[in-house]
Amino acid sequence: ERARIDEDAGLAGRAADHYAAFLERFDLPSPALEPLRR
């Protein structure tokens, strides 16, 4: 959610950090949650 907010606000560096943290922690989601990882 923070990545979405920061990207919308044009804060690319902060958004990238949040996206990367999400991907690091959410690397093997259940099939139902795979759209979030994508």
All heavy atoms as atom14 arrays in JSON, in Angstrom:
{
  "sequence": "ERARIDEDAGLAGRAADHYAAFLERFDLPSPALEPLRR",
  "atom14_mask": [
    [1, 1, 1, 1, 1, 1, 1, 1, 1, 0, 0, 0, 0, 0],
    [1, 1, 1, 1, 1, 1, 1, 1, 1, 1, 1, 0, 0, 0],
    [1, 1, 1, 1, 1, 0, 0, 0, 0, 0, 0, 0, 0, 0],
    [1, 1, 1, 1, 1, 1, 1, 1, 1, 1, 1, 0, 0, 0],
    [1, 1, 1, 1, 1, 1, 1, 1, 0, 0, 0, 0, 0, 0],
    [1, 1, 1, 1, 1, 1, 1, 1, 0, 0, 0, 0, 0, 0],
    [1, 1, 1, 1, 1, 1, 1, 1, 1, 0, 0, 0, 0, 0],
    [1, 1, 1, 1, 1, 1, 1, 1, 0, 0, 0, 0, 0, 0],
    [1, 1, 1, 1, 1, 0, 0, 0, 0, 0, 0, 0, 0, 0],
    [1, 1, 1, 1, 0, 0, 0, 0, 0, 0, 0, 0, 0, 0],
    [1, 1, 1, 1, 1, 1, 1, 1, 0, 0, 0, 0, 0, 0],
    [1, 1, 1, 1, 1, 0, 0, 0, 0, 0, 0, 0, 0, 0],
    [1, 1, 1, 1, 0, 0, 0, 0, 0, 0, 0, 0, 0, 0],
    [1, 1, 1, 1, 1, 1, 1, 1, 1, 1, 1, 0, 0, 0],
    [1, 1, 1, 1, 1, 0, 0, 0, 0, 0, 0, 0, 0, 0],
    [1, 1, 1, 1, 1, 0, 0, 0, 0, 0, 0, 0, 0, 0],
    [1, 1, 1, 1, 1, 1, 1, 1, 0, 0, 0, 0, 0, 0],
    [1, 1, 1, 1, 1, 1, 1, 1, 1, 1, 0, 0, 0, 0],
    [1, 1, 1, 1, 1, 1, 1, 1, 1, 1, 1, 1, 0, 0],
    [1, 1, 1, 1, 1, 0, 0, 0, 0, 0, 0, 0, 0, 0],
    [1, 1, 1, 1, 1, 0, 0, 0, 0, 0, 0, 0, 0, 0],
    [1, 1, 1, 1, 1, 1, 1, 1, 1, 1, 1, 0, 0, 0],
    [1, 1, 1, 1, 1, 1, 1, 1, 0, 0, 0, 0, 0, 0],
    [1, 1, 1, 1, 1, 1, 1, 1, 1, 0, 0, 0, 0, 0],
    [1, 1, 1, 1, 1, 1, 1, 1, 1, 1, 1, 0, 0, 0],
    [1, 1, 1, 1, 1, 1, 1, 1, 1, 1, 1, 0, 0, 0],
    [1, 1, 1, 1, 1, 1, 1, 1, 0, 0, 0, 0, 0, 0],
    [1, 1, 1, 1, 1, 1, 1, 1, 0, 0, 0, 0, 0, 0],
    [1, 1, 1, 1, 1, 1, 1, 0, 0, 0, 0, 0, 0, 0],
    [1, 1, 1, 1, 1, 1, 0, 0, 0, 0, 0, 0, 0, 0],
    [1, 1, 1, 1, 1, 1, 1, 0, 0, 0, 0, 0, 0, 0],
    [1, 1, 1, 1, 1, 0, 0, 0, 0, 0, 0, 0, 0, 0],
    [1, 1, 1, 1, 1, 1, 1, 1, 0, 0, 0, 0, 0, 0],
    [1, 1, 1, 1, 1, 1, 1, 1, 1, 0, 0, 0, 0, 0],
    [1, 1, 1, 1, 1, 1, 1, 0, 0, 0, 0, 0, 0, 0],
    [1, 1, 1, 1, 1, 1, 1, 1, 0, 0, 0, 0, 0, 0],
    [1, 1, 1, 1, 1, 1, 1, 1, 1, 1, 1, 0, 0, 0],
    [1, 1, 1, 1, 1, 1, 1, 1, 1, 1, 1, 0, 0, 0]
  ],
  "atom14_positions": [
    [[0.83, -1.21, 0.0], [0.0, 0.0, 0.0], [0.87, 1.26, 0.0], [0.57, 2.22, -0.71], [-0.95, 0.01, 1.2], [-2.11, -0.94, 1.07], [-3.07, -0.61, -0.07], [-3.2, 0.57, -0.44], [-3.69, -1.54, -0.58], [0.0, 0.0, 0.0], [0.0, 0.0, 0.0], [0.0, 0.0, 0.0], [0.0, 0.0, 0.0], [0.0, 0.0, 0.0]],
    [[1.93, 1.26, 0.78], [2.82, 2.43, 0.81], [3.49, 2.62, -0.54], [3.69, 3.76, -0.99], [3.83, 2.3, 1.93], [3.18, 2.47, 3.3], [4.15, 2.34, 4.42], [5.07, 3.48, 4.43], [6.12, 3.56, 5.23], [6.38, 2.58, 6.08], [6.9, 4.6, 5.2], [0.0, 0.0, 0.0], [0.0, 0.0, 0.0], [0.0, 0.0, 0.0]],
    [[3.86, 1.53, -1.19], [4.46, 1.64, -2.53], [3.48, 2.27, -3.5], [3.85, 3.15, -4.29], [4.89, 0.26, -3.02], [0.0, 0.0, 0.0], [0.0, 0.0, 0.0], [0.0, 0.0, 0.0], [0.0, 0.0, 0.0], [0.0, 0.0, 0.0], [0.0, 0.0, 0.0], [0.0, 0.0, 0.0], [0.0, 0.0, 0.0], [0.0, 0.0, 0.0]],
    [[2.23, 1.85, -3.45], [1.2, 2.42, -4.34], [1.05, 3.92, -4.09], [0.98, 4.71, -5.03], [-0.14, 1.73, -4.09], [-0.21, 0.29, -4.52], [-1.46, -0.35, -3.97], [-1.65, -1.71, -4.42], [-2.39, -2.6, -3.77], [-3.0, -2.26, -2.65], [-2.51, -3.83, -4.24], [0.0, 0.0, 0.0], [0.0, 0.0, 0.0], [0.0, 0.0, 0.0]],
    [[1.01, 4.3, -2.82], [0.84, 5.71, -2.46], [2.05, 6.52, -2.93], [1.9, 7.59, -3.54], [0.65, 5.85, -0.94], [-0.7, 5.27, -0.52], [0.78, 7.3, -0.5], [-0.85, 5.07, 0.98], [0.0, 0.0, 0.0], [0.0, 0.0, 0.0], [0.0, 0.0, 0.0], [0.0, 0.0, 0.0], [0.0, 0.0, 0.0], [0.0, 0.0, 0.0]],
    [[3.25, 6.02, -2.66], [4.45, 6.76, -3.04], [4.6, 6.84, -4.55], [5.01, 7.88, -5.08], [5.7, 6.11, -2.42], [5.79, 6.33, -0.92], [5.09, 7.24, -0.4], [6.54, 5.61, -0.25], [0.0, 0.0, 0.0], [0.0, 0.0, 0.0], [0.0, 0.0, 0.0], [0.0, 0.0, 0.0], [0.0, 0.0, 0.0], [0.0, 0.0, 0.0]],
    [[4.26, 5.78, -5.25], [4.34, 5.83, -6.72], [3.36, 6.87, -7.25], [3.71, 7.67, -8.12], [4.06, 4.46, -7.33], [4.19, 4.47, -8.84], [3.99, 3.12, -9.5], [3.68, 2.13, -8.8], [4.14, 3.06, -10.73], [0.0, 0.0, 0.0], [0.0, 0.0, 0.0], [0.0, 0.0, 0.0], [0.0, 0.0, 0.0], [0.0, 0.0, 0.0]],
    [[2.15, 6.88, -6.73], [1.14, 7.84, -7.17], [1.59, 9.27, -6.88], [1.28, 10.19, -7.64], [-0.19, 7.55, -6.47], [-1.31, 8.41, -7.01], [-1.53, 8.4, -8.24], [-1.97, 9.1, -6.2], [0.0, 0.0, 0.0], [0.0, 0.0, 0.0], [0.0, 0.0, 0.0], [0.0, 0.0, 0.0], [0.0, 0.0, 0.0], [0.0, 0.0, 0.0]],
    [[2.36, 9.46, -5.81], [2.84, 10.79, -5.44], [4.11, 11.18, -6.19], [4.65, 12.26, -5.99], [3.1, 10.85, -3.93], [0.0, 0.0, 0.0], [0.0, 0.0, 0.0], [0.0, 0.0, 0.0], [0.0, 0.0, 0.0], [0.0, 0.0, 0.0], [0.0, 0.0, 0.0], [0.0, 0.0, 0.0], [0.0, 0.0, 0.0], [0.0, 0.0, 0.0]],
    [[4.62, 10.27, -7.03], [5.83, 10.57, -7.79], [7.11, 10.35, -7.01], [8.17, 10.85, -7.41], [0.0, 0.0, 0.0], [0.0, 0.0, 0.0], [0.0, 0.0, 0.0], [0.0, 0.0, 0.0], [0.0, 0.0, 0.0], [0.0, 0.0, 0.0], [0.0, 0.0, 0.0], [0.0, 0.0, 0.0], [0.0, 0.0, 0.0], [0.0, 0.0, 0.0]],
    [[7.04, 9.62, -5.92], [8.22, 9.35, -5.08], [8.79, 7.99, -5.47], [8.64, 6.99, -4.75], [7.83, 9.38, -3.61], [7.21, 10.7, -3.13], [6.64, 10.57, -1.73], [8.24, 11.82, -3.2], [0.0, 0.0, 0.0], [0.0, 0.0, 0.0], [0.0, 0.0, 0.0], [0.0, 0.0, 0.0], [0.0, 0.0, 0.0], [0.0, 0.0, 0.0]],
    [[9.43, 7.94, -6.62], [9.88, 6.68, -7.21], [10.84, 5.91, -6.32], [10.72, 4.69, -6.18], [10.52, 6.93, -8.57], [0.0, 0.0, 0.0], [0.0, 0.0, 0.0], [0.0, 0.0, 0.0], [0.0, 0.0, 0.0], [0.0, 0.0, 0.0], [0.0, 0.0, 0.0], [0.0, 0.0, 0.0], [0.0, 0.0, 0.0], [0.0, 0.0, 0.0]],
    [[11.8, 6.57, -5.7], [12.77, 5.88, -4.86], [12.12, 5.22, -3.66], [12.41, 4.06, -3.34], [0.0, 0.0, 0.0], [0.0, 0.0, 0.0], [0.0, 0.0, 0.0], [0.0, 0.0, 0.0], [0.0, 0.0, 0.0], [0.0, 0.0, 0.0], [0.0, 0.0, 0.0], [0.0, 0.0, 0.0], [0.0, 0.0, 0.0], [0.0, 0.0, 0.0]],
    [[11.23, 5.95, -3.0], [10.53, 5.37, -1.85], [9.62, 4.25, -2.29], [9.53, 3.21, -1.62], [9.74, 6.45, -1.11], [10.65, 7.31, -0.27], [9.99, 8.44, 0.46], [8.61, 8.26, 0.87], [7.91, 9.2, 1.47], [8.46, 10.38, 1.72], [6.67, 8.99, 1.82], [0.0, 0.0, 0.0], [0.0, 0.0, 0.0], [0.0, 0.0, 0.0]],
    [[8.92, 4.44, -3.42], [8.04, 3.38, -3.92], [8.85, 2.13, -4.25], [8.44, 1.02, -3.9], [7.29, 3.87, -5.15], [0.0, 0.0, 0.0], [0.0, 0.0, 0.0], [0.0, 0.0, 0.0], [0.0, 0.0, 0.0], [0.0, 0.0, 0.0], [0.0, 0.0, 0.0], [0.0, 0.0, 0.0], [0.0, 0.0, 0.0], [0.0, 0.0, 0.0]],
    [[10.0, 2.29, -4.88], [10.85, 1.15, -5.22], [11.28, 0.4, -3.97], [11.27, -0.84, -3.94], [12.06, 1.6, -6.03], [0.0, 0.0, 0.0], [0.0, 0.0, 0.0], [0.0, 0.0, 0.0], [0.0, 0.0, 0.0], [0.0, 0.0, 0.0], [0.0, 0.0, 0.0], [0.0, 0.0, 0.0], [0.0, 0.0, 0.0], [0.0, 0.0, 0.0]],
    [[11.64, 1.14, -2.92], [12.04, 0.51, -1.66], [10.9, -0.33, -1.08], [11.12, -1.45, -0.61], [12.48, 1.55, -0.64], [13.8, 2.21, -0.98], [14.53, 1.69, -1.85], [14.1, 3.26, -0.38], [0.0, 0.0, 0.0], [0.0, 0.0, 0.0], [0.0, 0.0, 0.0], [0.0, 0.0, 0.0], [0.0, 0.0, 0.0], [0.0, 0.0, 0.0]],
    [[9.69, 0.21, -1.1], [8.55, -0.53, -0.56], [8.18, -1.72, -1.43], [7.87, -2.8, -0.9], [7.35, 0.39, -0.35], [7.54, 1.38, 0.74], [7.84, 1.03, 2.05], [7.49, 2.73, 0.74], [7.95, 2.11, 2.79], [7.75, 3.15, 2.02], [0.0, 0.0, 0.0], [0.0, 0.0, 0.0], [0.0, 0.0, 0.0], [0.0, 0.0, 0.0]],
    [[8.2, -1.53, -2.74], [7.94, -2.67, -3.63], [8.98, -3.78, -3.39], [8.64, -4.95, -3.31], [7.97, -2.26, -5.1], [6.73, -1.59, -5.61], [6.82, -0.38, -6.31], [5.47, -2.15, -5.44], [5.68, 0.23, -6.81], [4.33, -1.53, -5.94], [4.44, -0.34, -6.63], [3.31, 0.26, -7.13], [0.0, 0.0, 0.0], [0.0, 0.0, 0.0]],
    [[10.25, -3.4, -3.29], [11.31, -4.4, -3.09], [11.13, -5.12, -1.76], [11.29, -6.35, -1.68], [12.67, -3.73, -3.15], [0.0, 0.0, 0.0], [0.0, 0.0, 0.0], [0.0, 0.0, 0.0], [0.0, 0.0, 0.0], [0.0, 0.0, 0.0], [0.0, 0.0, 0.0], [0.0, 0.0, 0.0], [0.0, 0.0, 0.0], [0.0, 0.0, 0.0]],
    [[10.77, -4.39, -0.71], [10.55, -5.03, 0.59], [9.37, -5.98, 0.54], [9.41, -7.08, 1.1], [10.32, -3.96, 1.67], [0.0, 0.0, 0.0], [0.0, 0.0, 0.0], [0.0, 0.0, 0.0], [0.0, 0.0, 0.0], [0.0, 0.0, 0.0], [0.0, 0.0, 0.0], [0.0, 0.0, 0.0], [0.0, 0.0, 0.0], [0.0, 0.0, 0.0]],
    [[8.32, -5.57, -0.17], [7.17, -6.47, -0.33], [7.58, -7.75, -1.05], [7.27, -8.85, -0.61], [6.05, -5.77, -1.11], [4.91, -6.69, -1.45], [3.88, -6.9, -0.55], [4.86, -7.35, -2.67], [2.83, -7.76, -0.85], [3.82, -8.21, -2.98], [2.8, -8.4, -2.06], [0.0, 0.0, 0.0], [0.0, 0.0, 0.0], [0.0, 0.0, 0.0]],
    [[8.29, -7.6, -2.16], [8.69, -8.76, -2.95], [9.62, -9.69, -2.18], [9.56, -10.91, -2.33], [9.34, -8.3, -4.26], [8.37, -7.67, -5.25], [9.14, -6.96, -6.36], [7.41, -8.7, -5.81], [0.0, 0.0, 0.0], [0.0, 0.0, 0.0], [0.0, 0.0, 0.0], [0.0, 0.0, 0.0], [0.0, 0.0, 0.0], [0.0, 0.0, 0.0]],
    [[10.47, -9.12, -1.35], [11.38, -9.93, -0.55], [10.61, -10.78, 0.47], [10.94, -11.93, 0.71], [12.36, -9.03, 0.19], [13.34, -9.76, 1.07], [14.28, -8.81, 1.79], [14.77, -7.86, 1.15], [14.49, -9.02, 3.0], [0.0, 0.0, 0.0], [0.0, 0.0, 0.0], [0.0, 0.0, 0.0], [0.0, 0.0, 0.0], [0.0, 0.0, 0.0]],
    [[9.57, -10.2, 1.04], [8.81, -10.89, 2.08], [7.67, -11.74, 1.53], [7.14, -12.6, 2.22], [8.26, -9.86, 3.07], [9.34, -9.21, 3.9], [8.86, -7.89, 4.48], [9.83, -7.25, 5.31], [10.84, -6.52, 4.87], [11.03, -6.38, 3.57], [11.68, -5.94, 5.7], [0.0, 0.0, 0.0], [0.0, 0.0, 0.0], [0.0, 0.0, 0.0]],
    [[7.27, -11.49, 0.31], [6.09, -12.13, -0.29], [6.52, -12.88, -1.54], [5.91, -12.76, -2.59], [5.08, -11.01, -0.64], [3.64, -11.41, -0.55], [3.02, -11.55, 0.68], [2.9, -11.61, -1.69], [1.68, -11.88, 0.76], [1.55, -11.94, -1.62], [0.95, -12.08, -0.39], [0.0, 0.0, 0.0], [0.0, 0.0, 0.0], [0.0, 0.0, 0.0]],
    [[7.56, -13.67, -1.41], [8.16, -14.28, -2.6], [7.46, -15.55, -3.06], [7.59, -15.93, -4.22], [9.65, -14.55, -2.37], [9.91, -15.49, -1.22], [9.05, -15.59, -0.33], [10.98, -16.11, -1.2], [0.0, 0.0, 0.0], [0.0, 0.0, 0.0], [0.0, 0.0, 0.0], [0.0, 0.0, 0.0], [0.0, 0.0, 0.0], [0.0, 0.0, 0.0]],
    [[6.71, -16.21, -2.21], [6.01, -17.44, -2.6], [4.55, -17.39, -2.13], [4.13, -18.17, -1.27], [6.72, -18.67, -2.01], [8.12, -18.93, -2.52], [8.78, -20.05, -1.71], [8.09, -19.29, -4.0], [0.0, 0.0, 0.0], [0.0, 0.0, 0.0], [0.0, 0.0, 0.0], [0.0, 0.0, 0.0], [0.0, 0.0, 0.0], [0.0, 0.0, 0.0]],
    [[3.75, -16.5, -2.7], [2.37, -16.39, -2.24], [1.53, -17.58, -2.7], [1.89, -18.28, -3.64], [1.88, -15.1, -2.91], [2.68, -15.02, -4.16], [4.04, -15.57, -3.79], [0.0, 0.0, 0.0], [0.0, 0.0, 0.0], [0.0, 0.0, 0.0], [0.0, 0.0, 0.0], [0.0, 0.0, 0.0], [0.0, 0.0, 0.0], [0.0, 0.0, 0.0]],
    [[0.41, -17.76, -2.04], [-0.54, -18.76, -2.49], [-1.07, -18.31, -3.85], [-1.01, -17.11, -4.19], [-1.69, -18.9, -1.49], [-2.46, -17.71, -1.47], [0.0, 0.0, 0.0], [0.0, 0.0, 0.0], [0.0, 0.0, 0.0], [0.0, 0.0, 0.0], [0.0, 0.0, 0.0], [0.0, 0.0, 0.0], [0.0, 0.0, 0.0], [0.0, 0.0, 0.0]],
    [[-1.59, -19.23, -4.66], [-2.09, -18.84, -5.99], [-3.11, -17.7, -5.95], [-3.11, -16.85, -6.83], [-2.71, -20.14, -6.51], [-1.92, -21.22, -5.84], [-1.64, -20.68, -4.45], [0.0, 0.0, 0.0], [0.0, 0.0, 0.0], [0.0, 0.0, 0.0], [0.0, 0.0, 0.0], [0.0, 0.0, 0.0], [0.0, 0.0, 0.0], [0.0, 0.0, 0.0]],
    [[-3.94, -17.66, -4.93], [-4.95, -16.61, -4.84], [-4.33, -15.23, -4.66], [-4.92, -14.22, -5.05], [-5.91, -16.89, -3.7], [0.0, 0.0, 0.0], [0.0, 0.0, 0.0], [0.0, 0.0, 0.0], [0.0, 0.0, 0.0], [0.0, 0.0, 0.0], [0.0, 0.0, 0.0], [0.0, 0.0, 0.0], [0.0, 0.0, 0.0], [0.0, 0.0, 0.0]],
    [[-3.12, -15.17, -4.08], [-2.47, -13.89, -3.83], [-1.36, -13.57, -4.83], [-0.72, -12.53, -4.74], [-1.91, -13.87, -2.4], [-2.97, -13.99, -1.31], [-2.33, -14.06, 0.06], [-3.97, -12.86, -1.38], [0.0, 0.0, 0.0], [0.0, 0.0, 0.0], [0.0, 0.0, 0.0], [0.0, 0.0, 0.0], [0.0, 0.0, 0.0], [0.0, 0.0, 0.0]],
    [[-1.16, -14.44, -5.79], [-0.14, -14.21, -6.83], [-0.33, -12.89, -7.57], [0.65, -12.22, -7.9], [-0.12, -15.38, -7.81], [0.84, -15.23, -8.96], [2.3, -15.15, -8.57], [2.67, -15.6, -7.46], [3.09, -14.61, -9.37], [0.0, 0.0, 0.0], [0.0, 0.0, 0.0], [0.0, 0.0, 0.0], [0.0, 0.0, 0.0], [0.0, 0.0, 0.0]],
    [[-1.56, -12.42, -7.82], [-1.72, -11.12, -8.48], [-1.05, -9.97, -7.72], [-0.57, -9.02, -8.34], [-3.24, -10.93, -8.56], [-3.77, -12.33, -8.61], [-2.85, -13.12, -7.7], [0.0, 0.0, 0.0], [0.0, 0.0, 0.0], [0.0, 0.0, 0.0], [0.0, 0.0, 0.0], [0.0, 0.0, 0.0], [0.0, 0.0, 0.0], [0.0, 0.0, 0.0]],
    [[-1.01, -10.05, -6.39], [-0.33, -9.0, -5.62], [1.17, -9.0, -5.9], [1.78, -7.95, -6.04], [-0.58, -9.17, -4.13], [-2.02, -8.99, -3.66], [-2.12, -9.25, -2.15], [-2.53, -7.62, -4.01], [0.0, 0.0, 0.0], [0.0, 0.0, 0.0], [0.0, 0.0, 0.0], [0.0, 0.0, 0.0], [0.0, 0.0, 0.0], [0.0, 0.0, 0.0]],
    [[1.76, -10.2, -5.99], [3.18, -10.29, -6.28], [3.47, -9.76, -7.67], [4.42, -9.0, -7.88], [3.69, -11.73, -6.13], [5.22, -11.81, -6.14], [5.74, -13.18, -6.49], [5.31, -13.6, -7.81], [5.86, -13.17, -8.95], [6.83, -12.3, -8.95], [5.4, -13.59, -10.11], [0.0, 0.0, 0.0], [0.0, 0.0, 0.0], [0.0, 0.0, 0.0]],
    [[2.63, -10.11, -8.64], [2.83, -9.61, -10.0], [2.68, -8.09, -10.06], [3.44, -7.41, -10.74], [1.86, -10.3, -10.96], [2.24, -11.72, -11.29], [1.5, -12.25, -12.51], [0.05, -12.12, -12.42], [-0.77, -13.05, -11.95], [-0.31, -14.2, -11.52], [-2.07, -12.83, -11.92], [0.0, 0.0, 0.0], [0.0, 0.0, 0.0], [0.0, 0.0, 0.0]]
  ]
}
